[in-house]
Amino acid sequence: MPKIKFLPHKKLLPKGGSFNAKKGESILDVALKNKINIEHACEKSCSCSTCHCIISKGFLTLSKIKEKEEDVLDKAWGLTEKSRLSCQAKIGESDIEVKIPLYTSNHI
C-alpha cells in the first residue's frame, strides 16, 4: 500500500504526516480523510487551482496529467514543474511526498 508523506505546513499540518493511500485515490481525498483541510473551492471539479500541491518525490508515479488540469494549473500561485492539482492527481503504486503551498490563488 503506497504512503503519502505530507511535508510540514504552517497552518494545515505543522508537523507533517505520513498516511496510507489506495492506488487510484486522489491526493486530496487522502488528505481530507486524514483531516488535512486542503482548500478545494471547486469541490474537486478541476475548475480552480486552490488544491495545488507540489510533488517532492514520486511525481512520475502519479496518474498522467490531462490538458484541463494543465490549463487550470496555469492559474496556481507558486507553480513549479512538479505541480499538480491534488483533486486530479491519482496515487500510483509508489510512495510520494507532497508539499502544500502556504498560499493559494484565493489568498492573493
Protein backbone atom coordinates (compact mmCIF):
# COMPACT_ATOMS: atom_id res chain seq x y z
CA MET A 1 0.00 0.00 0.00
CA PRO A 2 1.56 3.33 -1.03
CA LYS A 3 2.13 6.10 1.50
CA ILE A 4 1.79 9.84 1.12
CA LYS A 5 4.14 11.93 3.18
CA PHE A 6 2.87 15.48 3.61
CA LEU A 7 5.65 17.88 4.44
CA PRO A 8 5.03 20.32 7.32
CA HIS A 9 2.66 23.19 6.53
CA LYS A 10 2.47 26.15 8.90
CA LYS A 11 -1.35 26.13 9.20
CA LEU A 12 -2.67 22.80 7.95
CA LEU A 13 -0.17 20.29 9.32
CA PRO A 14 2.64 21.89 11.36
CA LYS A 15 4.49 18.61 11.99
CA GLY A 16 3.77 16.97 8.65
CA GLY A 17 2.47 13.44 8.44
CA SER A 18 2.56 10.14 6.61
CA PHE A 19 -0.62 8.30 5.62
CA ASN A 20 -1.60 5.14 3.78
CA ALA A 21 -3.28 5.56 0.41
CA LYS A 22 -5.01 3.27 -2.03
CA LYS A 23 -3.94 3.10 -5.64
CA GLY A 24 -6.30 5.33 -7.65
CA GLU A 25 -7.20 7.64 -4.74
CA SER A 26 -6.59 11.33 -5.25
CA ILE A 27 -4.10 13.18 -3.09
CA LEU A 28 -6.93 15.45 -1.95
CA ASP A 29 -9.15 12.55 -0.86
CA VAL A 30 -6.32 11.07 1.22
CA ALA A 31 -5.65 14.48 2.78
CA LEU A 32 -9.30 15.14 3.63
CA LYS A 33 -9.90 11.72 5.16
CA ASN A 34 -6.88 12.39 7.40
CA LYS A 35 -8.22 15.80 8.46
CA ILE A 36 -5.80 17.85 6.35
CA ASN A 37 -8.11 20.56 5.11
CA ILE A 38 -6.57 21.46 1.77
CA GLU A 39 -8.68 24.16 0.17
CA HIS A 40 -10.73 22.94 -2.80
CA ALA A 41 -13.09 25.73 -3.80
CA CYS A 42 -14.47 23.96 -6.88
CA GLU A 43 -15.32 20.78 -4.97
CA LYS A 44 -12.92 18.58 -6.97
CA SER A 45 -14.22 19.55 -10.42
CA CYS A 46 -10.86 20.76 -11.81
CA SER A 47 -12.08 24.34 -12.16
CA CYS A 48 -9.85 26.22 -9.74
CA SER A 49 -6.29 25.91 -8.54
CA THR A 50 -6.85 26.12 -4.79
CA CYS A 51 -5.85 22.48 -4.19
CA HIS A 52 -2.48 22.97 -5.93
CA CYS A 53 0.34 20.93 -4.44
CA ILE A 54 3.96 20.21 -5.29
CA ILE A 55 5.19 16.65 -5.56
CA SER A 56 8.65 16.46 -3.97
CA LYS A 57 9.09 12.71 -4.58
CA GLY A 58 7.24 10.25 -6.77
CA PHE A 59 5.89 12.70 -9.37
CA LEU A 60 6.14 10.19 -12.22
CA THR A 61 4.20 7.52 -10.32
CA LEU A 62 1.02 9.62 -10.28
CA SER A 63 -1.71 9.43 -12.91
CA LYS A 64 -0.94 11.20 -16.16
CA ILE A 65 -1.79 14.90 -16.16
CA LYS A 66 -4.60 15.87 -18.53
CA GLU A 67 -4.85 19.03 -20.61
CA LYS A 68 -7.66 20.50 -18.49
CA GLU A 69 -5.57 20.13 -15.33
CA GLU A 70 -2.60 21.79 -17.06
CA ASP A 71 -4.81 24.72 -18.07
CA VAL A 72 -6.13 25.18 -14.52
CA LEU A 73 -2.65 24.80 -13.00
CA ASP A 74 -1.52 27.83 -15.02
CA LYS A 75 -3.56 29.93 -12.53
CA ALA A 76 -1.85 28.45 -9.45
CA TRP A 77 0.30 30.56 -7.16
CA GLY A 78 3.88 29.26 -6.93
CA LEU A 79 3.61 26.89 -9.90
CA THR A 80 6.57 24.52 -10.44
CA GLU A 81 7.43 21.75 -12.90
CA LYS A 82 6.23 19.24 -10.30
CA SER A 83 2.91 20.92 -9.51
CA ARG A 84 -0.37 19.03 -9.61
CA LEU A 85 -3.94 19.64 -8.56
CA SER A 86 -4.46 17.36 -5.58
CA CYS A 87 -8.05 16.67 -6.68
CA GLN A 88 -6.85 15.27 -10.01
CA ALA A 89 -3.56 13.54 -9.17
CA LYS A 90 -4.26 9.84 -8.51
CA ILE A 91 -1.93 7.68 -6.46
CA GLY A 92 0.08 5.02 -8.26
CA GLU A 93 1.89 2.09 -6.69
CA SER A 94 4.78 4.02 -5.12
CA ASP A 95 5.14 6.32 -2.14
CA ILE A 96 5.03 10.06 -2.77
CA GLU A 97 5.99 13.21 -0.88
CA VAL A 98 3.76 16.28 -1.09
CA LYS A 99 4.31 19.93 -0.25
CA ILE A 100 1.19 22.05 0.22
CA PRO A 101 1.97 25.66 -0.71
CA LEU A 102 1.41 28.23 2.03
CA TYR A 103 -0.82 30.33 -0.22
CA THR A 104 -3.43 29.64 -2.89
CA SER A 105 -4.78 31.84 -5.64
CA ASN A 106 -7.66 32.71 -3.28
CA HIS A 107 -5.22 34.36 -0.85
CA ILE A 108 -3.60 36.64 -3.41
